[in-house]
Amino acid sequence: MADTTSKSYFWKGFRDGTPFIFVAIPFGTLFGVFSTEAGLNVVQTLAFSATVFAGAAQFTALQLLQDNTPTAIVLASALAVNLRVAMYSASLTPYLGAAPLWQRACAAYLTVDQTYACSIMRFEKEPDMTIPQRMVYFFGTATPLTPLWLLATYLGAVLGTQIPESWALDFALPITFLAMIGPMMRTLAHVIAALVAIVVALLTVAVPFNLGLLIAGTAGMIAGAQAELFLERRKS
């Protein structure tokens, strides 16, 4: 019965993760195109996607490299963009922290916006899921995304500038984040964090080397944390 239930949760995760392929494919293709335009070959582009496996951080680093930004700033900016993954991991730890080390290592590699968004909503909706059920669900969400992300990156790198601009692949980036962020605005603290980050990002758009992104992200996290503390104090 347990095996059957685990398989059921895997396919639930697979189904929940599948809609994101419609943004992962153009997103990955666009990264492949941009990488070749920036001077990377196909192997380097695939290695970039396979090792980093974080689309937003990859785009950030690539853009800064094209602008001849100092390496330290490139690394700091990419790290800042990926700091949200550390928060994702902390959020998932109560649900997956008791899993075997090798499973947690694999989950850490596969923790991206889409797998986190699907998983945290499922885990909160069904708190009685066992650790194995949660793990197979998580891996289920990643299964349709991971190979298609790499395949799309490869196609973008191979096709390069042959892809017409009329396809407007760059729509995938904002649409992806809007689709994920919208359902997660569940508390006032979430909304405050998002609004503060947006306002600060707009105010710091002229800061060199895209450092406004670091400032906005930090401001949003601080505002969200302070709002949550304030709301908890009011409840108590």
Protein backbone atom coordinates (compact mmCIF):
# COMPACT_ATOMS: atom_id res chain seq x y z
CA MET A 1 0.00 0.00 0.00
CA ALA A 2 2.84 2.41 0.90
CA ASP A 3 4.51 1.88 -2.49
CA THR A 4 1.24 2.49 -4.28
CA THR A 5 0.65 5.66 -2.25
CA SER A 6 4.18 6.90 -2.97
CA LYS A 7 3.68 6.34 -6.69
CA SER A 8 0.41 8.23 -6.45
CA TYR A 9 2.18 11.21 -4.88
CA PHE A 10 4.92 11.08 -7.50
CA TRP A 11 2.34 11.43 -10.27
CA LYS A 12 0.56 14.17 -8.34
CA GLY A 13 3.85 16.06 -8.25
CA PHE A 14 4.43 15.33 -11.92
CA ARG A 15 1.01 16.72 -12.83
CA ASP A 16 1.47 19.80 -10.65
CA GLY A 17 4.88 20.53 -12.15
CA THR A 18 3.91 19.92 -15.77
CA PRO A 19 2.21 23.31 -16.46
CA PHE A 20 5.52 25.04 -15.79
CA ILE A 21 7.07 23.45 -18.88
CA PHE A 22 5.22 26.03 -20.95
CA VAL A 23 7.45 28.71 -19.45
CA ALA A 24 10.53 26.56 -18.79
CA ILE A 25 10.91 25.73 -22.49
CA PRO A 26 10.96 29.32 -23.81
CA PHE A 27 12.92 30.42 -20.71
CA GLY A 28 15.61 27.77 -21.31
CA THR A 29 15.67 28.44 -25.04
CA LEU A 30 16.14 32.14 -24.42
CA PHE A 31 19.05 31.44 -22.08
CA GLY A 32 20.66 29.25 -24.74
CA VAL A 33 20.31 32.04 -27.30
CA PHE A 34 21.69 34.68 -24.95
CA SER A 35 24.61 32.45 -23.97
CA THR A 36 25.75 31.94 -27.54
CA GLU A 37 25.34 35.66 -28.23
CA ALA A 38 27.57 36.31 -25.21
CA GLY A 39 30.28 34.08 -26.68
CA LEU A 40 29.71 30.74 -24.93
CA ASN A 41 29.73 27.58 -27.02
CA VAL A 42 27.12 24.82 -26.77
CA VAL A 43 29.09 22.72 -24.25
CA GLN A 44 29.75 25.72 -22.00
CA THR A 45 26.09 26.76 -22.17
CA LEU A 46 24.89 23.27 -21.21
CA ALA A 47 27.45 23.05 -18.41
CA PHE A 48 26.27 26.43 -17.12
CA SER A 49 22.64 25.26 -17.01
CA ALA A 50 23.42 21.82 -15.59
CA THR A 51 25.69 23.01 -12.78
CA VAL A 52 23.96 26.23 -11.73
CA PHE A 53 20.39 25.10 -12.53
CA ALA A 54 18.93 28.46 -11.54
CA GLY A 55 17.52 30.40 -14.45
CA ALA A 56 17.26 33.85 -12.85
CA ALA A 57 20.81 33.69 -11.45
CA GLN A 58 22.10 32.47 -14.82
CA PHE A 59 20.51 35.40 -16.66
CA THR A 60 21.82 37.83 -14.06
CA ALA A 61 25.39 36.55 -14.27
CA LEU A 62 25.32 36.44 -18.07
CA GLN A 63 24.02 40.00 -18.37
CA LEU A 64 26.65 41.33 -15.98
CA LEU A 65 29.42 39.44 -17.78
CA GLN A 66 28.32 41.02 -21.06
CA ASP A 67 28.58 44.42 -19.39
CA ASN A 68 32.18 43.65 -18.31
CA THR A 69 31.17 43.85 -14.67
CA PRO A 70 33.90 42.95 -12.13
CA THR A 71 33.84 39.25 -11.25
CA ALA A 72 33.20 39.93 -7.56
CA ILE A 73 30.04 41.88 -8.43
CA VAL A 74 28.89 39.14 -10.82
CA LEU A 75 29.27 36.50 -8.11
CA ALA A 76 27.64 38.66 -5.44
CA SER A 77 24.68 39.49 -7.69
CA ALA A 78 24.12 35.87 -8.73
CA LEU A 79 24.38 34.82 -5.09
CA ALA A 80 21.89 37.49 -4.05
CA VAL A 81 19.40 36.36 -6.68
CA ASN A 82 19.79 32.80 -5.41
CA LEU A 83 19.46 33.73 -1.73
CA ARG A 84 15.75 33.06 -2.13
CA VAL A 85 16.65 29.38 -2.60
CA ALA A 86 18.21 29.39 0.87
CA MET A 87 14.89 30.67 2.18
CA TYR A 88 13.08 27.98 0.19
CA SER A 89 15.33 25.36 1.79
CA ALA A 90 14.66 26.70 5.28
CA SER A 91 10.94 26.61 4.54
CA LEU A 92 11.10 23.00 3.31
CA THR A 93 13.31 21.73 6.14
CA PRO A 94 10.41 21.02 8.56
CA TYR A 95 8.86 18.80 5.87
CA LEU A 96 11.95 17.14 4.33
CA GLY A 97 14.66 17.55 6.98
CA ALA A 98 14.30 13.98 8.28
CA ALA A 99 14.87 12.38 4.86
CA PRO A 100 18.13 10.51 4.13
CA LEU A 101 21.13 12.71 3.33
CA TRP A 102 21.38 11.63 -0.33
CA GLN A 103 17.72 12.49 -0.89
CA ARG A 104 18.15 15.89 0.71
CA ALA A 105 21.24 16.52 -1.44
CA CYS A 106 19.29 15.72 -4.60
CA ALA A 107 16.39 17.87 -3.42
CA ALA A 108 18.77 20.77 -2.73
CA TYR A 109 20.02 20.62 -6.32
CA LEU A 110 16.46 20.49 -7.68
CA THR A 111 15.07 23.25 -5.46
CA VAL A 112 13.98 25.98 -7.84
CA ASP A 113 11.04 28.35 -7.83
CA GLN A 114 8.66 25.89 -9.49
CA THR A 115 9.48 22.82 -7.40
CA TYR A 116 9.32 24.87 -4.21
CA ALA A 117 6.03 26.56 -5.08
CA CYS A 118 4.31 23.25 -5.90
CA SER A 119 5.77 21.40 -2.92
CA ILE A 120 5.18 23.93 -0.15
CA MET A 121 1.55 24.39 -1.18
CA ARG A 122 1.00 20.61 -1.24
CA PHE A 123 2.77 20.04 2.09
CA GLU A 124 0.77 22.76 3.82
CA LYS A 125 -2.45 21.47 2.30
CA GLU A 126 -1.75 17.86 3.37
CA PRO A 127 0.23 18.02 6.65
CA ASP A 128 -0.24 14.28 7.28
CA MET A 129 1.97 13.23 4.36
CA THR A 130 4.89 10.99 5.37
CA ILE A 131 8.51 11.88 4.64
CA PRO A 132 8.75 9.37 1.73
CA GLN A 133 5.51 10.72 0.27
CA ARG A 134 6.81 14.27 0.46
CA MET A 135 10.11 13.32 -1.16
CA VAL A 136 8.52 11.46 -4.06
CA TYR A 137 6.07 14.33 -4.56
CA PHE A 138 8.99 16.80 -4.65
CA PHE A 139 10.90 14.69 -7.18
CA GLY A 140 7.69 14.34 -9.16
CA THR A 141 7.44 18.12 -9.56
CA ALA A 142 11.04 18.26 -10.83
CA THR A 143 10.73 15.38 -13.30
CA PRO A 144 8.98 17.21 -16.17
CA LEU A 145 11.03 20.38 -15.69
CA THR A 146 14.65 19.30 -15.40
CA PRO A 147 15.20 17.45 -18.71
CA LEU A 148 13.15 19.97 -20.67
CA TRP A 149 15.10 22.88 -19.19
CA LEU A 150 18.37 21.31 -20.36
CA LEU A 151 16.92 20.34 -23.74
CA ALA A 152 15.56 23.85 -24.28
CA THR A 153 18.95 25.33 -23.33
CA TYR A 154 20.62 23.06 -25.88
CA LEU A 155 18.16 23.99 -28.62
CA GLY A 156 18.58 27.68 -27.90
CA ALA A 157 22.38 27.36 -28.02
CA VAL A 158 22.27 25.40 -31.30
CA LEU A 159 19.68 27.55 -33.04
CA GLY A 160 21.03 30.83 -31.68
CA THR A 161 20.00 33.85 -33.71
CA GLN A 162 17.96 31.70 -36.11
CA ILE A 163 15.01 32.03 -33.71
CA PRO A 164 12.84 34.96 -34.91
CA GLU A 165 12.40 37.91 -32.55
CA SER A 166 8.67 37.71 -33.29
CA TRP A 167 8.52 34.60 -31.08
CA ALA A 168 9.10 36.93 -28.08
CA LEU A 169 10.67 34.25 -25.91
CA ASP A 170 11.59 36.87 -23.35
CA PHE A 171 7.99 36.86 -22.13
CA ALA A 172 8.80 33.65 -20.21
CA LEU A 173 10.83 35.35 -17.46
CA PRO A 174 8.19 37.76 -16.06
CA ILE A 175 5.33 35.34 -16.68
CA THR A 176 7.11 32.58 -14.74
CA PHE A 177 7.62 34.71 -11.65
CA LEU A 178 4.14 36.23 -11.76
CA ALA A 179 2.61 32.75 -11.96
CA MET A 180 4.59 31.58 -8.93
CA ILE A 181 4.46 34.67 -6.76
CA GLY A 182 0.74 35.37 -7.10
CA PRO A 183 -0.56 32.26 -5.26
CA MET A 184 2.11 32.65 -2.56
CA MET A 185 0.96 36.11 -1.43
CA ARG A 186 -0.95 34.49 1.43
CA THR A 187 -0.17 36.85 4.30
CA LEU A 188 0.23 40.58 4.83
CA ALA A 189 3.95 40.05 5.52
CA HIS A 190 4.39 38.46 2.07
CA VAL A 191 2.62 41.37 0.41
CA ILE A 192 4.66 43.97 2.32
CA ALA A 193 7.94 42.23 1.41
CA ALA A 194 6.99 42.16 -2.27
CA LEU A 195 5.82 45.80 -2.36
CA VAL A 196 8.91 47.10 -0.56
CA ALA A 197 11.22 45.15 -2.89
CA ILE A 198 9.41 46.52 -5.94
CA VAL A 199 9.51 50.13 -4.75
CA VAL A 200 13.19 49.96 -3.75
CA ALA A 201 14.10 48.26 -7.06
CA LEU A 202 12.45 51.11 -8.98
CA LEU A 203 14.18 53.75 -6.84
CA THR A 204 17.63 52.14 -7.26
CA VAL A 205 17.41 51.33 -10.96
CA ALA A 206 20.26 53.77 -11.69
CA VAL A 207 22.70 52.14 -9.25
CA PRO A 208 25.69 50.74 -11.22
CA PHE A 209 26.19 47.03 -11.91
CA ASN A 210 22.54 46.21 -11.10
CA LEU A 211 23.36 46.53 -7.40
CA GLY A 212 19.85 47.91 -6.96
CA LEU A 213 18.70 44.30 -7.12
CA LEU A 214 20.75 43.45 -4.02
CA ILE A 215 19.46 46.50 -2.19
CA ALA A 216 15.83 45.79 -3.13
CA GLY A 217 16.03 42.12 -2.17
CA THR A 218 17.56 42.96 1.20
CA ALA A 219 14.99 45.67 1.87
CA GLY A 220 12.14 43.32 0.96
CA MET A 221 13.37 40.57 3.26
CA ILE A 222 13.85 42.97 6.17
CA ALA A 223 10.41 44.53 5.65
CA GLY A 224 8.72 41.12 5.43
CA ALA A 225 10.46 39.83 8.56
CA GLN A 226 9.62 42.97 10.54
CA ALA A 227 6.01 42.86 9.39
CA GLU A 228 5.71 39.23 10.47
CA LEU A 229 7.17 40.01 13.90
CA PHE A 230 4.80 42.97 14.32
CA LEU A 231 1.77 40.87 13.37
CA GLU A 232 2.80 38.07 15.75
CA ARG A 233 3.18 40.55 18.61
CA ARG A 234 -0.28 41.94 17.92
CA LYS A 235 -1.80 38.45 18.00
CA SER A 236 -0.12 37.63 21.32
